[in-house]
Amino acid sequence: MFVEAFLHAVALDLGWFVDIVMNNLFWAFFFAAAGYAFYKSPIKGGVMLTLLIWAQVDIANALGWTFGKGFLFLPLSVFVATIVVNSFFGKQEWFKKNSLLVPLVLIYGLFTFINLFVV
């Protein structure tokens, strides 16, 4: 999905993005709420979470993973780890600047862990 979304963004195909949002209104509002909870910005955070999940699915497909053996555990692990990291470092100035980078590092770190030790 991430690669497909990237190609539609390069082609300036706004209709594809409108179609995705309108056909998945529950998920659009869910990711907006999660974006507000994590990043205090529903649009920016929702788009970031959506891109992370799309990238996660594309990387898992590229590595040949199936929806088992820890793959479904990964999103939960990322959200719990993000909450833990936010609770410890939420008031630090350097963390406030890089708060969008933390889930990205966590998700790719957990990808590596699952790829090396679980699968």
C-alpha atoms as a PDB file:
ATOM      1  CA  MET A   1       0.000   0.000   0.000  1.00  0.00           C
ATOM      2  CA  PHE A   2       2.819   2.406   0.800  1.00  0.00           C
ATOM      3  CA  VAL A   3       4.404   2.045  -2.631  1.00  0.00           C
ATOM      4  CA  GLU A   4       0.997   2.313  -4.299  1.00  0.00           C
ATOM      5  CA  ALA A   5       0.196   5.461  -2.282  1.00  0.00           C
ATOM      6  CA  PHE A   6       3.591   6.918  -3.166  1.00  0.00           C
ATOM      7  CA  LEU A   7       2.988   6.309  -6.876  1.00  0.00           C
ATOM      8  CA  HIS A   8      -0.459   7.917  -6.691  1.00  0.00           C
ATOM      9  CA  ALA A   9       1.027  10.892  -4.824  1.00  0.00           C
ATOM     10  CA  VAL A  10       3.699  11.330  -7.505  1.00  0.00           C
ATOM     11  CA  ALA A  11       0.988  11.161 -10.174  1.00  0.00           C
ATOM     12  CA  LEU A  12      -1.050  13.749  -8.214  1.00  0.00           C
ATOM     13  CA  ASP A  13      -4.029  11.365  -8.170  1.00  0.00           C
ATOM     14  CA  LEU A  14      -6.075  13.059  -5.450  1.00  0.00           C
ATOM     15  CA  GLY A  15      -9.152  11.012  -6.350  1.00  0.00           C
ATOM     16  CA  TRP A  16      -7.433   7.819  -5.203  1.00  0.00           C
ATOM     17  CA  PHE A  17      -6.763   9.274  -1.744  1.00  0.00           C
ATOM     18  CA  VAL A  18     -10.326  10.620  -1.477  1.00  0.00           C
ATOM     19  CA  ASP A  19     -11.622   7.178  -2.453  1.00  0.00           C
ATOM     20  CA  ILE A  20      -9.459   5.477   0.213  1.00  0.00           C
ATOM     21  CA  VAL A  21     -10.653   7.860   2.934  1.00  0.00           C
ATOM     22  CA  MET A  22     -14.321   7.782   1.930  1.00  0.00           C
ATOM     23  CA  ASN A  23     -14.393   3.979   1.728  1.00  0.00           C
ATOM     24  CA  ASN A  24     -12.660   3.651   5.115  1.00  0.00           C
ATOM     25  CA  LEU A  25     -14.220   6.404   7.224  1.00  0.00           C
ATOM     26  CA  PHE A  26     -13.992   4.399  10.460  1.00  0.00           C
ATOM     27  CA  TRP A  27     -10.261   3.910  10.029  1.00  0.00           C
ATOM     28  CA  ALA A  28      -9.750   7.506   8.939  1.00  0.00           C
ATOM     29  CA  PHE A  29     -11.363   8.792  12.145  1.00  0.00           C
ATOM     30  CA  PHE A  30      -9.621   6.129  14.227  1.00  0.00           C
ATOM     31  CA  PHE A  31      -6.197   7.129  12.905  1.00  0.00           C
ATOM     32  CA  ALA A  32      -7.058  10.813  13.367  1.00  0.00           C
ATOM     33  CA  ALA A  33      -7.934  10.090  17.019  1.00  0.00           C
ATOM     34  CA  ALA A  34      -4.764   8.049  17.495  1.00  0.00           C
ATOM     35  CA  GLY A  35      -2.760  10.818  15.816  1.00  0.00           C
ATOM     36  CA  TYR A  36      -4.238  13.340  18.218  1.00  0.00           C
ATOM     37  CA  ALA A  37      -3.474  11.076  21.188  1.00  0.00           C
ATOM     38  CA  PHE A  38       0.134  10.479  20.156  1.00  0.00           C
ATOM     39  CA  TYR A  39       1.162  13.661  18.335  1.00  0.00           C
ATOM     40  CA  LYS A  40      -1.418  16.318  19.349  1.00  0.00           C
ATOM     41  CA  SER A  41      -2.126  16.817  15.655  1.00  0.00           C
ATOM     42  CA  PRO A  42      -4.871  14.633  14.181  1.00  0.00           C
ATOM     43  CA  ILE A  43      -3.988  15.175  10.521  1.00  0.00           C
ATOM     44  CA  LYS A  44      -0.213  14.929  10.819  1.00  0.00           C
ATOM     45  CA  GLY A  45      -0.332  12.059  13.304  1.00  0.00           C
ATOM     46  CA  GLY A  46      -3.035  10.163  11.417  1.00  0.00           C
ATOM     47  CA  VAL A  47      -1.114  10.390   8.165  1.00  0.00           C
ATOM     48  CA  MET A  48       2.091   9.307   9.932  1.00  0.00           C
ATOM     49  CA  LEU A  49       0.395   6.282  11.507  1.00  0.00           C
ATOM     50  CA  THR A  50      -1.226   5.344   8.210  1.00  0.00           C
ATOM     51  CA  LEU A  51       2.095   5.530   6.369  1.00  0.00           C
ATOM     52  CA  LEU A  52       3.818   3.484   9.071  1.00  0.00           C
ATOM     53  CA  ILE A  53       1.208   0.740   8.865  1.00  0.00           C
ATOM     54  CA  TRP A  54       1.270   0.716   5.063  1.00  0.00           C
ATOM     55  CA  ALA A  55       5.074   0.522   5.124  1.00  0.00           C
ATOM     56  CA  GLN A  56       4.879  -2.262   7.705  1.00  0.00           C
ATOM     57  CA  VAL A  57       2.588  -4.328   5.480  1.00  0.00           C
ATOM     58  CA  ASP A  58       4.743  -3.718   2.379  1.00  0.00           C
ATOM     59  CA  ILE A  59       7.961  -4.650   4.172  1.00  0.00           C
ATOM     60  CA  ALA A  60       6.342  -7.770   5.611  1.00  0.00           C
ATOM     61  CA  ASN A  61       5.176  -8.802   2.131  1.00  0.00           C
ATOM     62  CA  ALA A  62       8.620  -8.111   0.674  1.00  0.00           C
ATOM     63  CA  LEU A  63      10.238 -10.276   3.360  1.00  0.00           C
ATOM     64  CA  GLY A  64       7.733 -13.033   2.716  1.00  0.00           C
ATOM     65  CA  TRP A  65       6.068 -12.872   6.105  1.00  0.00           C
ATOM     66  CA  THR A  66       2.509 -13.988   6.578  1.00  0.00           C
ATOM     67  CA  PHE A  67      -0.017 -12.634   9.043  1.00  0.00           C
ATOM     68  CA  GLY A  68       1.179 -14.890  11.806  1.00  0.00           C
ATOM     69  CA  LYS A  69       4.209 -15.594  13.989  1.00  0.00           C
ATOM     70  CA  GLY A  70       4.393 -12.234  15.658  1.00  0.00           C
ATOM     71  CA  PHE A  71       3.369 -10.025  12.759  1.00  0.00           C
ATOM     72  CA  LEU A  72       0.077  -9.165  14.425  1.00  0.00           C
ATOM     73  CA  PHE A  73       1.963  -8.555  17.651  1.00  0.00           C
ATOM     74  CA  LEU A  74       4.080  -5.844  16.007  1.00  0.00           C
ATOM     75  CA  PRO A  75       1.533  -2.976  15.857  1.00  0.00           C
ATOM     76  CA  LEU A  76       0.554  -3.556  19.479  1.00  0.00           C
ATOM     77  CA  SER A  77       4.224  -3.615  20.459  1.00  0.00           C
ATOM     78  CA  VAL A  78       4.877  -0.337  18.643  1.00  0.00           C
ATOM     79  CA  PHE A  79       1.933   1.430  20.298  1.00  0.00           C
ATOM     80  CA  VAL A  80       2.846   0.149  23.777  1.00  0.00           C
ATOM     81  CA  ALA A  81       6.513   1.014  23.267  1.00  0.00           C
ATOM     82  CA  THR A  82       5.543   4.495  22.031  1.00  0.00           C
ATOM     83  CA  ILE A  83       3.422   5.071  25.120  1.00  0.00           C
ATOM     84  CA  VAL A  84       6.260   3.918  27.380  1.00  0.00           C
ATOM     85  CA  VAL A  85       8.837   6.099  25.623  1.00  0.00           C
ATOM     86  CA  ASN A  86       6.453   9.089  25.696  1.00  0.00           C
ATOM     87  CA  SER A  87       5.875   8.638  29.420  1.00  0.00           C
ATOM     88  CA  PHE A  88       9.602   8.587  30.171  1.00  0.00           C
ATOM     89  CA  PHE A  89      10.867  11.231  27.759  1.00  0.00           C
ATOM     90  CA  GLY A  90       7.743  13.306  27.035  1.00  0.00           C
ATOM     91  CA  LYS A  91       8.979  16.434  28.804  1.00  0.00           C
ATOM     92  CA  GLN A  92      12.483  16.444  27.319  1.00  0.00           C
ATOM     93  CA  GLU A  93      13.172  19.152  24.734  1.00  0.00           C
ATOM     94  CA  TRP A  94      15.091  16.872  22.337  1.00  0.00           C
ATOM     95  CA  PHE A  95      12.224  14.377  22.408  1.00  0.00           C
ATOM     96  CA  LYS A  96       9.598  16.980  21.544  1.00  0.00           C
ATOM     97  CA  LYS A  97      11.486  17.826  18.354  1.00  0.00           C
ATOM     98  CA  ASN A  98      11.843  14.175  17.305  1.00  0.00           C
ATOM     99  CA  SER A  99       8.549  12.752  18.553  1.00  0.00           C
ATOM    100  CA  LEU A 100       7.516  11.581  15.074  1.00  0.00           C
ATOM    101  CA  LEU A 101      10.817   9.738  14.641  1.00  0.00           C
ATOM    102  CA  VAL A 102      10.396   7.565  17.748  1.00  0.00           C
ATOM    103  CA  PRO A 103       7.658   5.247  16.378  1.00  0.00           C
ATOM    104  CA  LEU A 104       9.605   4.926  13.140  1.00  0.00           C
ATOM    105  CA  VAL A 105      12.727   3.759  14.980  1.00  0.00           C
ATOM    106  CA  LEU A 106      10.620   1.477  17.175  1.00  0.00           C
ATOM    107  CA  ILE A 107       8.817  -0.155  14.285  1.00  0.00           C
ATOM    108  CA  TYR A 108      11.963  -0.883  12.304  1.00  0.00           C
ATOM    109  CA  GLY A 109      13.727  -2.086  15.453  1.00  0.00           C
ATOM    110  CA  LEU A 110      10.855  -4.463  16.159  1.00  0.00           C
ATOM    111  CA  PHE A 111      10.866  -5.558  12.508  1.00  0.00           C
ATOM    112  CA  THR A 112      14.519  -6.471  12.880  1.00  0.00           C
ATOM    113  CA  PHE A 113      13.870  -8.287  16.154  1.00  0.00           C
ATOM    114  CA  ILE A 114      10.997 -10.318  14.695  1.00  0.00           C
ATOM    115  CA  ASN A 115      12.928 -11.051  11.517  1.00  0.00           C
ATOM    116  CA  LEU A 116      15.993 -12.284  13.401  1.00  0.00           C
ATOM    117  CA  PHE A 117      14.482 -14.054  16.383  1.00  0.00           C
ATOM    118  CA  VAL A 118      10.811 -14.910  15.815  1.00  0.00           C
ATOM    119  CA  VAL A 119      10.552 -16.020  12.175  1.00  0.00           C
END
